[in-house]
Amino acid sequence: MKKLEQTEFEKKILDQFMSGKNLFGKDGAFAPMLKNVIEKSP
């Protein structure tokens, strides 16, 4: 993850957390990261 991507990712997490939104699930901040991990697993 590049520095700019990490900063944007952290901002999205903080925004969702502060507004009470779910960080997991289809539209959660962690969704793309979890999808990537699952697709790379054997």
N, C-alpha and C. Protein backbone atom coordinates (compact mmCIF):
# COMPACT_ATOMS: atom_id res chain seq x y z
N MET A 1 0.85 -1.17 0.00
CA MET A 1 0.00 0.00 0.00
C MET A 1 0.90 1.23 0.00
N LYS A 2 0.61 2.13 -0.91
CA LYS A 2 1.39 3.36 -1.01
C LYS A 2 0.96 4.35 0.06
N LYS A 3 1.81 5.33 0.34
CA LYS A 3 1.57 6.31 1.39
C LYS A 3 0.23 7.03 1.21
N LEU A 4 -0.08 7.48 0.00
CA LEU A 4 -1.34 8.18 -0.27
C LEU A 4 -2.53 7.25 -0.06
N GLU A 5 -2.43 6.01 -0.53
CA GLU A 5 -3.50 5.03 -0.34
C GLU A 5 -3.72 4.77 1.15
N GLN A 6 -2.64 4.67 1.91
CA GLN A 6 -2.75 4.42 3.34
C GLN A 6 -3.44 5.59 4.03
N THR A 7 -3.07 6.81 3.66
CA THR A 7 -3.68 7.99 4.25
C THR A 7 -5.17 8.04 3.95
N GLU A 8 -5.56 7.76 2.72
CA GLU A 8 -6.97 7.75 2.33
C GLU A 8 -7.72 6.64 3.07
N PHE A 9 -7.09 5.49 3.20
CA PHE A 9 -7.68 4.36 3.91
C PHE A 9 -7.92 4.71 5.38
N GLU A 10 -6.92 5.31 6.00
CA GLU A 10 -7.06 5.71 7.41
C GLU A 10 -8.15 6.76 7.58
N LYS A 11 -8.25 7.70 6.66
CA LYS A 11 -9.29 8.72 6.72
C LYS A 11 -10.68 8.09 6.60
N LYS A 12 -10.82 7.13 5.68
CA LYS A 12 -12.11 6.46 5.51
C LYS A 12 -12.50 5.70 6.78
N ILE A 13 -11.53 5.02 7.38
CA ILE A 13 -11.80 4.29 8.62
C ILE A 13 -12.24 5.25 9.72
N LEU A 14 -11.51 6.33 9.88
CA LEU A 14 -11.84 7.30 10.92
C LEU A 14 -13.22 7.92 10.68
N ASP A 15 -13.50 8.30 9.44
CA ASP A 15 -14.81 8.89 9.11
C ASP A 15 -15.95 7.92 9.43
N GLN A 16 -15.79 6.66 9.03
CA GLN A 16 -16.84 5.68 9.28
C GLN A 16 -16.97 5.38 10.77
N PHE A 17 -15.86 5.31 11.45
CA PHE A 17 -15.88 5.03 12.89
C PHE A 17 -16.56 6.17 13.65
N MET A 18 -16.20 7.39 13.33
CA MET A 18 -16.75 8.55 14.03
C MET A 18 -18.24 8.75 13.75
N SER A 19 -18.70 8.32 12.59
CA SER A 19 -20.11 8.48 12.25
C SER A 19 -20.95 7.27 12.68
N GLY A 20 -20.30 6.26 13.27
CA GLY A 20 -21.02 5.10 13.78
C GLY A 20 -21.33 4.05 12.73
N LYS A 21 -20.74 4.19 11.55
CA LYS A 21 -20.97 3.21 10.48
C LYS A 21 -20.15 1.96 10.74
N ASN A 22 -20.62 0.86 10.17
CA ASN A 22 -19.93 -0.42 10.29
C ASN A 22 -18.66 -0.40 9.46
N LEU A 23 -17.53 -0.79 10.03
CA LEU A 23 -16.27 -0.82 9.31
C LEU A 23 -16.13 -2.07 8.46
N PHE A 24 -16.93 -3.07 8.76
CA PHE A 24 -16.90 -4.31 8.00
C PHE A 24 -18.16 -4.38 7.14
N GLY A 25 -18.29 -5.39 6.33
CA GLY A 25 -19.45 -5.50 5.47
C GLY A 25 -19.17 -4.91 4.10
N LYS A 26 -20.16 -4.96 3.25
CA LYS A 26 -20.01 -4.58 1.84
C LYS A 26 -19.44 -3.18 1.65
N ASP A 27 -19.91 -2.20 2.39
CA ASP A 27 -19.47 -0.81 2.21
C ASP A 27 -18.51 -0.33 3.29
N GLY A 28 -18.03 -1.24 4.12
CA GLY A 28 -17.13 -0.87 5.20
C GLY A 28 -15.73 -0.55 4.70
N ALA A 29 -15.01 0.19 5.51
CA ALA A 29 -13.65 0.60 5.15
C ALA A 29 -12.71 -0.59 5.00
N PHE A 30 -12.95 -1.65 5.76
CA PHE A 30 -12.07 -2.81 5.69
C PHE A 30 -12.42 -3.79 4.57
N ALA A 31 -13.55 -3.59 3.92
CA ALA A 31 -14.01 -4.52 2.88
C ALA A 31 -12.98 -4.76 1.77
N PRO A 32 -12.40 -3.72 1.17
CA PRO A 32 -11.41 -3.98 0.11
C PRO A 32 -10.18 -4.74 0.61
N MET A 33 -9.74 -4.43 1.81
CA MET A 33 -8.57 -5.10 2.37
C MET A 33 -8.88 -6.57 2.62
N LEU A 34 -10.04 -6.86 3.21
CA LEU A 34 -10.42 -8.24 3.48
C LEU A 34 -10.60 -9.03 2.19
N LYS A 35 -11.20 -8.40 1.20
CA LYS A 35 -11.39 -9.05 -0.10
C LYS A 35 -10.04 -9.44 -0.69
N ASN A 36 -9.09 -8.54 -0.62
CA ASN A 36 -7.75 -8.79 -1.16
C ASN A 36 -7.08 -9.95 -0.43
N VAL A 37 -7.18 -10.00 0.87
CA VAL A 37 -6.58 -11.09 1.66
C VAL A 37 -7.23 -12.43 1.31
N ILE A 38 -8.55 -12.44 1.22
CA ILE A 38 -9.27 -13.68 0.90
C ILE A 38 -8.91 -14.19 -0.49
N GLU A 39 -8.83 -13.29 -1.46
CA GLU A 39 -8.51 -13.70 -2.83
C GLU A 39 -7.08 -14.21 -2.96
N LYS A 40 -6.17 -13.74 -2.12
CA LYS A 40 -4.77 -14.17 -2.20
C LYS A 40 -4.50 -15.44 -1.42
N SER A 41 -5.44 -15.84 -0.55
CA SER A 41 -5.19 -17.04 0.25
C SER A 41 -5.31 -18.30 -0.62
N PRO A 42 -4.54 -19.33 -0.26
CA PRO A 42 -4.55 -20.56 -1.07
C PRO A 42 -5.83 -21.34 -0.95
